[in-house]
Amino acid sequence: MSNHMEPQEKISARRTYTLLQQAFFKLLTEKPFEKITLKELCDTAMIPRSTFYRYFEDKYDLLGYCLQNFFENMDLDIDVIYLKNLDAMKDYLAKTLKVLDTAHAQFSRIYRLNRDGVFMDLLRSLLIQVLTDKLKQAENSGIHCRISTPVFTYLLADFYISVAKCYLDFDGEFSAEDFIEHVVLFANRNFFE
């Protein structure tokens, strides 16, 4: 009998994670992160507050989960992190821009509502943590960075956030392919003809 309950619990947990992510995304398109309350999150996701606390400590923890989930699905690998392989970087940027383009209006709205608030700083901090974890994995496989990890991850997080912000700010002025080429030229320090 316990074998039948485990899959049900997994289905229930996946459903709860999905409902909370969808509710969070919806609310972020309506108001700045700072103004989203736990009550609104739970009401929008149609789950009790006690269920929320079973999965997350607070909305910051939920944001961290959403970002971690995003990067796990994006295959952020060592070649991209170290900016060593421009083809891997192009592939990663293409995936990222495809996600942004899939829900362009929503991402633009989220960005515009949150660009001057705590949200962008939280994204940077969470991205730094993701990148730090990836660098630790790389070091365990024998790859070492000449730059200290805190400096490198801070600068790289700012780079990737700036790429997304720039793409959203220029809203349709460049095709995704042209934009990626510009970013790769920048990353390759190929600024002038």
N, C-alpha and C. Protein backbone atom coordinates (compact mmCIF):
# COMPACT_ATOMS: atom_id res chain seq x y z
N MET A 1 0.82 -1.20 0.00
CA MET A 1 0.00 0.00 0.00
C MET A 1 0.86 1.26 0.00
N SER A 2 1.99 1.27 0.71
CA SER A 2 2.83 2.46 0.73
C SER A 2 3.42 2.76 -0.65
N ASN A 3 3.59 1.74 -1.50
CA ASN A 3 4.08 1.98 -2.86
C ASN A 3 3.10 2.83 -3.65
N HIS A 4 1.82 2.68 -3.38
CA HIS A 4 0.82 3.46 -4.09
C HIS A 4 0.75 4.90 -3.58
N MET A 5 1.12 5.11 -2.33
CA MET A 5 1.05 6.46 -1.78
C MET A 5 2.23 7.31 -2.22
N GLU A 6 3.40 6.70 -2.39
CA GLU A 6 4.56 7.49 -2.80
C GLU A 6 4.34 8.20 -4.13
N PRO A 7 3.89 7.50 -5.19
CA PRO A 7 3.65 8.22 -6.45
C PRO A 7 2.60 9.32 -6.29
N GLN A 8 1.56 9.07 -5.48
CA GLN A 8 0.54 10.08 -5.27
C GLN A 8 1.14 11.30 -4.58
N GLU A 9 2.01 11.06 -3.59
CA GLU A 9 2.66 12.18 -2.92
C GLU A 9 3.54 12.95 -3.89
N LYS A 10 4.23 12.24 -4.77
CA LYS A 10 5.07 12.90 -5.76
C LYS A 10 4.22 13.73 -6.72
N ILE A 11 3.11 13.19 -7.14
CA ILE A 11 2.21 13.92 -8.03
C ILE A 11 1.67 15.15 -7.32
N SER A 12 1.29 14.99 -6.07
CA SER A 12 0.77 16.10 -5.28
C SER A 12 1.83 17.19 -5.10
N ALA A 13 3.06 16.78 -4.82
CA ALA A 13 4.14 17.75 -4.64
C ALA A 13 4.42 18.49 -5.95
N ARG A 14 4.49 17.76 -7.06
CA ARG A 14 4.73 18.39 -8.36
C ARG A 14 3.62 19.38 -8.69
N ARG A 15 2.38 18.99 -8.39
CA ARG A 15 1.24 19.87 -8.64
C ARG A 15 1.36 21.15 -7.80
N THR A 16 1.74 21.00 -6.54
CA THR A 16 1.88 22.15 -5.66
C THR A 16 2.99 23.07 -6.15
N TYR A 17 4.14 22.50 -6.50
CA TYR A 17 5.24 23.32 -7.04
C TYR A 17 4.79 24.07 -8.29
N THR A 18 4.09 23.38 -9.17
CA THR A 18 3.61 24.01 -10.41
C THR A 18 2.62 25.12 -10.12
N LEU A 19 1.66 24.86 -9.23
CA LEU A 19 0.67 25.88 -8.89
C LEU A 19 1.33 27.12 -8.28
N LEU A 20 2.30 26.90 -7.40
CA LEU A 20 2.98 28.04 -6.77
C LEU A 20 3.82 28.82 -7.77
N GLN A 21 4.51 28.13 -8.67
CA GLN A 21 5.29 28.83 -9.69
C GLN A 21 4.38 29.65 -10.60
N GLN A 22 3.28 29.06 -11.03
CA GLN A 22 2.35 29.77 -11.91
C GLN A 22 1.75 30.98 -11.20
N ALA A 23 1.38 30.82 -9.96
CA ALA A 23 0.80 31.93 -9.18
C ALA A 23 1.84 33.03 -9.01
N PHE A 24 3.05 32.65 -8.69
CA PHE A 24 4.14 33.60 -8.50
C PHE A 24 4.39 34.39 -9.78
N PHE A 25 4.48 33.70 -10.89
CA PHE A 25 4.71 34.34 -12.19
C PHE A 25 3.56 35.30 -12.52
N LYS A 26 2.34 34.86 -12.28
CA LYS A 26 1.17 35.71 -12.54
C LYS A 26 1.22 36.98 -11.70
N LEU A 27 1.50 36.84 -10.42
CA LEU A 27 1.54 38.00 -9.54
C LEU A 27 2.69 38.94 -9.89
N LEU A 28 3.81 38.39 -10.33
CA LEU A 28 4.94 39.23 -10.73
C LEU A 28 4.62 40.09 -11.96
N THR A 29 3.66 39.64 -12.77
CA THR A 29 3.26 40.46 -13.92
C THR A 29 2.29 41.56 -13.52
N GLU A 30 1.80 41.49 -12.29
CA GLU A 30 0.81 42.46 -11.83
C GLU A 30 1.36 43.50 -10.86
N LYS A 31 2.42 43.13 -10.14
CA LYS A 31 2.96 44.05 -9.11
C LYS A 31 4.40 43.72 -8.81
N PRO A 32 5.11 44.67 -8.22
CA PRO A 32 6.50 44.41 -7.84
C PRO A 32 6.60 43.29 -6.79
N PHE A 33 7.72 42.60 -6.82
CA PHE A 33 7.98 41.50 -5.90
C PHE A 33 7.71 41.88 -4.45
N GLU A 34 8.17 43.09 -4.06
CA GLU A 34 8.04 43.51 -2.65
C GLU A 34 6.59 43.58 -2.20
N LYS A 35 5.67 43.81 -3.13
CA LYS A 35 4.26 43.98 -2.77
C LYS A 35 3.45 42.68 -2.81
N ILE A 36 4.07 41.60 -3.24
CA ILE A 36 3.38 40.30 -3.28
C ILE A 36 3.36 39.73 -1.87
N THR A 37 2.16 39.40 -1.41
CA THR A 37 2.04 38.83 -0.07
C THR A 37 1.88 37.31 -0.16
N LEU A 38 2.18 36.67 0.93
CA LEU A 38 2.01 35.22 1.01
C LEU A 38 0.54 34.84 0.85
N LYS A 39 -0.33 35.64 1.40
CA LYS A 39 -1.77 35.39 1.26
C LYS A 39 -2.17 35.41 -0.21
N GLU A 40 -1.68 36.41 -0.96
CA GLU A 40 -1.99 36.49 -2.39
C GLU A 40 -1.45 35.27 -3.15
N LEU A 41 -0.23 34.88 -2.81
CA LEU A 41 0.36 33.70 -3.45
C LEU A 41 -0.49 32.46 -3.23
N CYS A 42 -0.86 32.25 -1.97
CA CYS A 42 -1.65 31.07 -1.64
C CYS A 42 -3.05 31.14 -2.26
N ASP A 43 -3.67 32.31 -2.23
CA ASP A 43 -5.00 32.47 -2.84
C ASP A 43 -4.94 32.23 -4.34
N THR A 44 -3.93 32.78 -5.00
CA THR A 44 -3.80 32.63 -6.45
C THR A 44 -3.51 31.18 -6.82
N ALA A 45 -2.68 30.51 -6.02
CA ALA A 45 -2.36 29.10 -6.27
C ALA A 45 -3.45 28.16 -5.79
N MET A 46 -4.40 28.70 -5.03
CA MET A 46 -5.50 27.93 -4.44
C MET A 46 -4.99 26.80 -3.55
N ILE A 47 -4.05 27.17 -2.68
CA ILE A 47 -3.54 26.22 -1.70
C ILE A 47 -3.55 26.88 -0.33
N PRO A 48 -3.70 26.09 0.72
CA PRO A 48 -3.64 26.67 2.07
C PRO A 48 -2.22 27.13 2.41
N ARG A 49 -2.16 28.10 3.29
CA ARG A 49 -0.88 28.64 3.73
C ARG A 49 0.00 27.55 4.33
N SER A 50 -0.60 26.63 5.06
CA SER A 50 0.17 25.53 5.67
C SER A 50 0.85 24.67 4.60
N THR A 51 0.21 24.51 3.46
CA THR A 51 0.81 23.75 2.35
C THR A 51 2.01 24.50 1.80
N PHE A 52 1.87 25.83 1.66
CA PHE A 52 3.00 26.63 1.20
C PHE A 52 4.22 26.38 2.09
N TYR A 53 4.00 26.43 3.41
CA TYR A 53 5.11 26.28 4.35
C TYR A 53 5.70 24.86 4.36
N ARG A 54 4.97 23.91 3.84
CA ARG A 54 5.52 22.57 3.72
C ARG A 54 6.63 22.52 2.66
N TYR A 55 6.57 23.44 1.70
CA TYR A 55 7.50 23.44 0.58
C TYR A 55 8.52 24.59 0.62
N PHE A 56 8.10 25.73 1.14
CA PHE A 56 8.96 26.91 1.12
C PHE A 56 8.88 27.66 2.44
N GLU A 57 9.97 28.36 2.76
CA GLU A 57 9.99 29.17 3.98
C GLU A 57 9.24 30.49 3.77
N ASP A 58 9.43 31.08 2.57
CA ASP A 58 8.83 32.38 2.27
C ASP A 58 8.91 32.61 0.76
N LYS A 59 8.50 33.78 0.32
CA LYS A 59 8.50 34.07 -1.12
C LYS A 59 9.92 34.15 -1.68
N TYR A 60 10.89 34.47 -0.85
CA TYR A 60 12.28 34.51 -1.28
C TYR A 60 12.77 33.09 -1.60
N ASP A 61 12.37 32.16 -0.77
CA ASP A 61 12.71 30.75 -1.00
C ASP A 61 12.05 30.26 -2.29
N LEU A 62 10.80 30.67 -2.52
CA LEU A 62 10.11 30.31 -3.76
C LEU A 62 10.83 30.89 -4.97
N LEU A 63 11.26 32.14 -4.88
CA LEU A 63 12.01 32.76 -5.98
C LEU A 63 13.30 31.97 -6.24
N GLY A 64 13.99 31.58 -5.19
CA GLY A 64 15.21 30.79 -5.34
C GLY A 64 14.93 29.47 -6.04
N TYR A 65 13.85 28.81 -5.65
CA TYR A 65 13.46 27.56 -6.29
C TYR A 65 13.18 27.77 -7.78
N CYS A 66 12.45 28.81 -8.10
CA CYS A 66 12.10 29.09 -9.50
C CYS A 66 13.36 29.34 -10.33
N LEU A 67 14.29 30.11 -9.79
CA LEU A 67 15.53 30.40 -10.51
C LEU A 67 16.38 29.14 -10.67
N GLN A 68 16.50 28.37 -9.60
CA GLN A 68 17.27 27.12 -9.66
C GLN A 68 16.66 26.19 -10.70
N ASN A 69 15.36 26.08 -10.71
CA ASN A 69 14.66 25.24 -11.66
C ASN A 69 14.91 25.72 -13.09
N PHE A 70 14.87 27.03 -13.30
CA PHE A 70 15.12 27.61 -14.61
C PHE A 70 16.51 27.23 -15.11
N PHE A 71 17.53 27.40 -14.27
CA PHE A 71 18.89 27.12 -14.70
C PHE A 71 19.16 25.63 -14.87
N GLU A 72 18.51 24.79 -14.08
CA GLU A 72 18.66 23.35 -14.29
C GLU A 72 18.09 22.96 -15.65
N ASN A 73 17.01 23.59 -16.05
CA ASN A 73 16.41 23.29 -17.36
C ASN A 73 17.18 23.92 -18.52
N MET A 74 18.04 24.86 -18.23
CA MET A 74 18.78 25.56 -19.29
C MET A 74 20.14 24.92 -19.58
N ASP A 75 20.52 23.89 -18.85
CA ASP A 75 21.80 23.21 -19.08
C ASP A 75 22.98 24.18 -19.03
N LEU A 76 23.07 24.92 -17.96
CA LEU A 76 24.19 25.84 -17.77
C LEU A 76 25.42 25.00 -17.46
N ASP A 77 26.29 24.84 -18.48
CA ASP A 77 27.44 23.98 -18.29
C ASP A 77 28.73 24.78 -18.15
N ILE A 78 29.81 24.06 -17.94
CA ILE A 78 31.10 24.68 -17.65
C ILE A 78 31.58 25.56 -18.80
N ASP A 79 31.39 25.13 -20.03
CA ASP A 79 31.84 25.93 -21.18
C ASP A 79 31.15 27.30 -21.18
N VAL A 80 29.88 27.31 -20.83
CA VAL A 80 29.14 28.57 -20.79
C VAL A 80 29.59 29.40 -19.60
N ILE A 81 29.72 28.78 -18.45
CA ILE A 81 30.11 29.51 -17.24
C ILE A 81 31.46 30.19 -17.43
N TYR A 82 32.40 29.47 -17.99
CA TYR A 82 33.74 30.02 -18.14
C TYR A 82 33.91 30.88 -19.39
N LEU A 83 32.84 31.00 -20.19
CA LEU A 83 32.87 31.78 -21.43
C LEU A 83 34.01 31.31 -22.34
N LYS A 84 34.30 30.01 -22.27
CA LYS A 84 35.39 29.45 -23.06
C LYS A 84 34.92 29.02 -24.44
N ASN A 85 33.73 28.53 -24.52
CA ASN A 85 33.25 27.97 -25.77
C ASN A 85 32.10 28.84 -26.27
N LEU A 86 32.35 29.60 -27.31
CA LEU A 86 31.35 30.55 -27.81
C LEU A 86 30.14 29.84 -28.42
N ASP A 87 30.35 28.65 -28.97
CA ASP A 87 29.20 27.91 -29.52
C ASP A 87 28.25 27.48 -28.40
N ALA A 88 28.82 27.02 -27.28
CA ALA A 88 27.98 26.66 -26.13
C ALA A 88 27.26 27.89 -25.59
N MET A 89 27.96 29.01 -25.59
CA MET A 89 27.35 30.26 -25.13
C MET A 89 26.20 30.65 -26.05
N LYS A 90 26.40 30.53 -27.36
CA LYS A 90 25.33 30.85 -28.32
C LYS A 90 24.11 29.96 -28.07
N ASP A 91 24.36 28.67 -27.87
CA ASP A 91 23.25 27.75 -27.61
C ASP A 91 22.50 28.14 -26.34
N TYR A 92 23.26 28.46 -25.30
CA TYR A 92 22.64 28.86 -24.04
C TYR A 92 21.83 30.14 -24.21
N LEU A 93 22.40 31.14 -24.88
CA LEU A 93 21.69 32.39 -25.11
C LEU A 93 20.45 32.17 -25.97
N ALA A 94 20.56 31.30 -26.96
CA ALA A 94 19.40 31.00 -27.81
C ALA A 94 18.27 30.39 -26.98
N LYS A 95 18.63 29.48 -26.07
CA LYS A 95 17.61 28.88 -25.19
C LYS A 95 16.98 29.94 -24.30
N THR A 96 17.82 30.79 -23.72
CA THR A 96 17.33 31.84 -22.82
C THR A 96 16.40 32.79 -23.56
N LEU A 97 16.81 33.25 -24.74
CA LEU A 97 15.98 34.19 -25.49
C LEU A 97 14.70 33.53 -25.99
N LYS A 98 14.77 32.23 -26.27
CA LYS A 98 13.55 31.51 -26.67
C LYS A 98 12.54 31.51 -25.53
N VAL A 99 13.04 31.29 -24.31
CA VAL A 99 12.15 31.34 -23.13
C VAL A 99 11.58 32.75 -22.98
N LEU A 100 12.44 33.76 -23.11
CA LEU A 100 11.96 35.14 -22.99
C LEU A 100 10.95 35.47 -24.09
N ASP A 101 11.18 34.98 -25.30
CA ASP A 101 10.27 35.26 -26.41
C ASP A 101 8.95 34.50 -26.29
N THR A 102 8.99 33.33 -25.66
CA THR A 102 7.78 32.53 -25.50
C THR A 102 6.73 33.28 -24.69
N ALA A 103 7.18 34.01 -23.69
CA ALA A 103 6.27 34.81 -22.86
C ALA A 103 6.81 36.23 -22.77
N HIS A 104 7.12 36.80 -23.93
CA HIS A 104 7.81 38.09 -23.98
C HIS A 104 7.05 39.20 -23.25
N ALA A 105 5.78 39.30 -23.47
CA ALA A 105 4.99 40.36 -22.83
C ALA A 105 5.04 40.22 -21.31
N GLN A 106 4.93 38.98 -20.82
CA GLN A 106 4.95 38.76 -19.37
C GLN A 106 6.33 39.09 -18.78
N PHE A 107 7.40 38.61 -19.44
CA PHE A 107 8.75 38.89 -18.92
C PHE A 107 9.05 40.38 -18.97
N SER A 108 8.62 41.04 -20.03
CA SER A 108 8.83 42.49 -20.13
C SER A 108 8.11 43.20 -18.99
N ARG A 109 6.90 42.77 -18.73
CA ARG A 109 6.12 43.40 -17.66
C ARG A 109 6.77 43.14 -16.29
N ILE A 110 7.20 41.92 -16.05
CA ILE A 110 7.88 41.59 -14.79
C ILE A 110 9.13 42.45 -14.64
N TYR A 111 9.89 42.55 -15.70
CA TYR A 111 11.11 43.35 -15.65
C TYR A 111 10.79 44.81 -15.38
N ARG A 112 9.84 45.37 -16.09
CA ARG A 112 9.51 46.78 -15.92
C ARG A 112 8.96 47.09 -14.52
N LEU A 113 8.18 46.17 -13.98
CA LEU A 113 7.63 46.37 -12.64
C LEU A 113 8.69 46.23 -11.54
N ASN A 114 9.75 45.49 -11.85
CA ASN A 114 10.72 45.13 -10.80
C ASN A 114 12.13 45.65 -11.03
N ARG A 115 12.36 46.39 -12.09
CA ARG A 115 13.74 46.79 -12.42
C ARG A 115 14.37 47.70 -11.36
N ASP A 116 13.59 48.46 -10.63
CA ASP A 116 14.14 49.37 -9.64
C ASP A 116 13.96 48.88 -8.21
N GLY A 117 13.48 47.66 -8.06
CA GLY A 117 13.22 47.14 -6.72
C GLY A 117 14.25 46.11 -6.29
N VAL A 118 13.92 45.44 -5.24
CA VAL A 118 14.79 44.44 -4.63
C VAL A 118 14.89 43.19 -5.50
N PHE A 119 13.95 42.98 -6.39
CA PHE A 119 13.87 41.78 -7.22
C PHE A 119 15.17 41.53 -8.00
N MET A 120 15.69 42.57 -8.66
CA MET A 120 16.90 42.39 -9.48
C MET A 120 18.10 42.04 -8.61
N ASP A 121 18.18 42.62 -7.42
CA ASP A 121 19.27 42.26 -6.50
C ASP A 121 19.12 40.82 -6.03
N LEU A 122 17.89 40.39 -5.79
CA LEU A 122 17.65 39.00 -5.39
C LEU A 122 18.04 38.05 -6.52
N LEU A 123 17.67 38.41 -7.75
CA LEU A 123 18.05 37.57 -8.88
C LEU A 123 19.57 37.44 -8.97
N ARG A 124 20.27 38.56 -8.81
CA ARG A 124 21.73 38.54 -8.86
C ARG A 124 22.28 37.62 -7.77
N SER A 125 21.80 37.77 -6.55
CA SER A 125 22.29 36.95 -5.44
C SER A 125 22.03 35.46 -5.68
N LEU A 126 20.84 35.16 -6.16
CA LEU A 126 20.51 33.76 -6.43
C LEU A 126 21.33 33.21 -7.59
N LEU A 127 21.53 34.00 -8.61
CA LEU A 127 22.35 33.57 -9.75
C LEU A 127 23.80 33.37 -9.32
N ILE A 128 24.29 34.24 -8.46
CA ILE A 128 25.65 34.07 -7.93
C ILE A 128 25.77 32.72 -7.22
N GLN A 129 24.75 32.36 -6.46
CA GLN A 129 24.78 31.07 -5.76
C GLN A 129 24.78 29.90 -6.75
N VAL A 130 23.95 29.99 -7.79
CA VAL A 130 23.91 28.94 -8.81
C VAL A 130 25.29 28.82 -9.47
N LEU A 131 25.86 29.95 -9.85
CA LEU A 131 27.17 29.94 -10.51
C LEU A 131 28.27 29.44 -9.58
N THR A 132 28.20 29.80 -8.31
CA THR A 132 29.18 29.32 -7.33
C THR A 132 29.11 27.80 -7.21
N ASP A 133 27.90 27.27 -7.15
CA ASP A 133 27.73 25.81 -7.08
C ASP A 133 28.30 25.13 -8.32
N LYS A 134 28.05 25.72 -9.49
CA LYS A 134 28.58 25.15 -10.74
C LYS A 134 30.11 25.21 -10.76
N LEU A 135 30.67 26.29 -10.25
CA LEU A 135 32.14 26.41 -10.21
C LEU A 135 32.75 25.39 -9.26
N LYS A 136 32.08 25.12 -8.15
CA LYS A 136 32.57 24.10 -7.21
C LYS A 136 32.59 22.74 -7.88
N GLN A 137 31.55 22.45 -8.67
CA GLN A 137 31.50 21.19 -9.42
C GLN A 137 32.66 21.13 -10.41
N ALA A 138 32.93 22.25 -11.07
CA ALA A 138 34.03 22.30 -12.05
C ALA A 138 35.37 22.07 -11.36
N GLU A 139 35.55 22.71 -10.21
CA GLU A 139 36.81 22.54 -9.48
C GLU A 139 37.00 21.11 -9.03
N ASN A 140 35.91 20.45 -8.68
CA ASN A 140 36.00 19.04 -8.29
C ASN A 140 36.41 18.15 -9.46
N SER A 141 36.18 18.63 -10.68
CA SER A 141 36.61 17.86 -11.86
C SER A 141 37.95 18.35 -12.41
N GLY A 142 38.63 19.24 -11.66
CA GLY A 142 39.97 19.65 -12.02
C GLY A 142 40.10 20.96 -12.77
N ILE A 143 39.03 21.69 -12.95
CA ILE A 143 39.08 22.97 -13.65
C ILE A 143 39.15 24.07 -12.59
N HIS A 144 40.12 24.96 -12.72
CA HIS A 144 40.28 26.02 -11.73
C HIS A 144 40.28 27.39 -12.40
N CYS A 145 39.62 28.32 -11.77
CA CYS A 145 39.52 29.69 -12.28
C CYS A 145 40.63 30.53 -11.66
N ARG A 146 41.25 31.38 -12.47
CA ARG A 146 42.32 32.25 -11.96
C ARG A 146 41.77 33.41 -11.14
N ILE A 147 40.51 33.73 -11.35
CA ILE A 147 39.86 34.83 -10.63
C ILE A 147 39.18 34.23 -9.40
N SER A 148 39.16 34.95 -8.30
CA SER A 148 38.50 34.42 -7.10
C SER A 148 37.02 34.18 -7.40
N THR A 149 36.49 33.13 -6.84
CA THR A 149 35.11 32.73 -7.10
C THR A 149 34.11 33.85 -6.81
N PRO A 150 34.21 34.55 -5.67
CA PRO A 150 33.22 35.62 -5.42
C PRO A 150 33.25 36.72 -6.48
N VAL A 151 34.44 37.11 -6.91
CA VAL A 151 34.54 38.17 -7.93
C VAL A 151 34.01 37.66 -9.26
N PHE A 152 34.44 36.47 -9.64
CA PHE A 152 34.04 35.91 -10.93
C PHE A 152 32.52 35.72 -11.02
N THR A 153 31.93 35.12 -9.98
CA THR A 153 30.50 34.84 -10.04
C THR A 153 29.67 36.13 -10.00
N TYR A 154 30.15 37.13 -9.27
CA TYR A 154 29.44 38.42 -9.22
C TYR A 154 29.43 39.06 -10.60
N LEU A 155 30.60 39.12 -11.24
CA LEU A 155 30.70 39.74 -12.56
C LEU A 155 29.92 38.95 -13.61
N LEU A 156 30.02 37.63 -13.54
CA LEU A 156 29.31 36.81 -14.52
C LEU A 156 27.80 36.89 -14.34
N ALA A 157 27.34 36.92 -13.09
CA ALA A 157 25.90 37.07 -12.84
C ALA A 157 25.41 38.39 -13.42
N ASP A 158 26.17 39.45 -13.18
CA ASP A 158 25.80 40.75 -13.75
C ASP A 158 25.78 40.71 -15.27
N PHE A 159 26.73 39.99 -15.86
CA PHE A 159 26.77 39.87 -17.32
C PHE A 159 25.48 39.23 -17.83
N TYR A 160 25.10 38.08 -17.26
CA TYR A 160 23.91 37.37 -17.75
C TYR A 160 22.63 38.15 -17.46
N ILE A 161 22.56 38.79 -16.33
CA ILE A 161 21.37 39.61 -16.04
C ILE A 161 21.31 40.79 -16.99
N SER A 162 22.46 41.40 -17.25
CA SER A 162 22.50 42.53 -18.19
C SER A 162 22.09 42.11 -19.59
N VAL A 163 22.47 40.92 -20.00
CA VAL A 163 22.07 40.42 -21.32
C VAL A 163 20.55 40.34 -21.40
N ALA A 164 19.92 39.75 -20.38
CA ALA A 164 18.46 39.63 -20.38
C ALA A 164 17.80 41.01 -20.33
N LYS A 165 18.31 41.88 -19.48
CA LYS A 165 17.74 43.23 -19.37
C LYS A 165 17.87 43.98 -20.69
N CYS A 166 19.03 43.88 -21.32
CA CYS A 166 19.28 44.56 -22.59
C CYS A 166 18.31 44.05 -23.66
N TYR A 167 18.14 42.75 -23.71
CA TYR A 167 17.22 42.15 -24.70
C TYR A 167 15.80 42.67 -24.49
N LEU A 168 15.37 42.74 -23.23
CA LEU A 168 14.03 43.23 -22.94
C LEU A 168 13.92 44.74 -23.17
N ASP A 169 14.97 45.49 -22.87
CA ASP A 169 14.95 46.94 -23.10
C ASP A 169 14.87 47.30 -24.58
N PHE A 170 15.55 46.51 -25.42
CA PHE A 170 15.54 46.80 -26.85
C PHE A 170 14.33 46.19 -27.56
N ASP A 171 13.47 45.55 -26.83
CA ASP A 171 12.17 45.03 -27.23
C ASP A 171 11.91 45.00 -28.74
N GLY A 172 12.44 43.99 -29.41
CA GLY A 172 12.15 43.78 -30.82
C GLY A 172 13.03 44.55 -31.78
N GLU A 173 13.95 45.34 -31.27
CA GLU A 173 14.83 46.10 -32.15
C GLU A 173 15.81 45.20 -32.89
N PHE A 174 16.14 44.04 -32.29
CA PHE A 174 17.04 43.07 -32.89
C PHE A 174 16.35 41.72 -32.91
N SER A 175 16.65 40.92 -33.92
CA SER A 175 16.20 39.53 -33.88
C SER A 175 17.04 38.83 -32.81
N ALA A 176 16.55 37.71 -32.34
CA ALA A 176 17.30 36.96 -31.32
C ALA A 176 18.68 36.58 -31.86
N GLU A 177 18.74 36.17 -33.12
CA GLU A 177 20.01 35.76 -33.72
C GLU A 177 21.01 36.93 -33.77
N ASP A 178 20.54 38.11 -34.21
CA ASP A 178 21.42 39.27 -34.27
C ASP A 178 21.87 39.68 -32.87
N PHE A 179 20.96 39.64 -31.93
CA PHE A 179 21.30 40.00 -30.55
C PHE A 179 22.38 39.07 -30.01
N ILE A 180 22.20 37.77 -30.25
CA ILE A 180 23.18 36.77 -29.77
C ILE A 180 24.55 37.05 -30.39
N GLU A 181 24.57 37.37 -31.68
CA GLU A 181 25.85 37.67 -32.33
C GLU A 181 26.55 38.87 -31.66
N HIS A 182 25.78 39.89 -31.32
CA HIS A 182 26.34 41.06 -30.64
C HIS A 182 26.91 40.67 -29.28
N VAL A 183 26.17 39.86 -28.53
CA VAL A 183 26.63 39.44 -27.20
C VAL A 183 27.89 38.60 -27.31
N VAL A 184 27.93 37.70 -28.30
CA VAL A 184 29.11 36.85 -28.47
C VAL A 184 30.33 37.70 -28.87
N LEU A 185 30.12 38.68 -29.73
CA LEU A 185 31.23 39.58 -30.07
C LEU A 185 31.73 40.30 -28.82
N PHE A 186 30.81 40.71 -27.97
CA PHE A 186 31.19 41.38 -26.73
C PHE A 186 31.96 40.41 -25.82
N ALA A 187 31.42 39.21 -25.63
CA ALA A 187 32.06 38.23 -24.75
C ALA A 187 33.44 37.84 -25.28
N ASN A 188 33.59 37.87 -26.59
CA ASN A 188 34.87 37.52 -27.22
C ASN A 188 35.80 38.74 -27.31
N ARG A 189 35.35 39.85 -26.74
CA ARG A 189 36.09 41.11 -26.74
C ARG A 189 36.46 41.54 -28.16
N ASN A 190 35.53 41.31 -29.07
CA ASN A 190 35.72 41.67 -30.47
C ASN A 190 34.87 42.91 -30.74
N PHE A 191 35.31 44.05 -30.20
CA PHE A 191 34.49 45.25 -30.20
C PHE A 191 34.56 46.05 -31.50
N PHE A 192 35.72 46.07 -32.13
CA PHE A 192 35.91 47.00 -33.24
C PHE A 192 36.38 46.26 -34.49
N GLU A 193 36.10 46.87 -35.64
CA GLU A 193 36.55 46.28 -36.91
C GLU A 193 37.93 46.79 -37.24
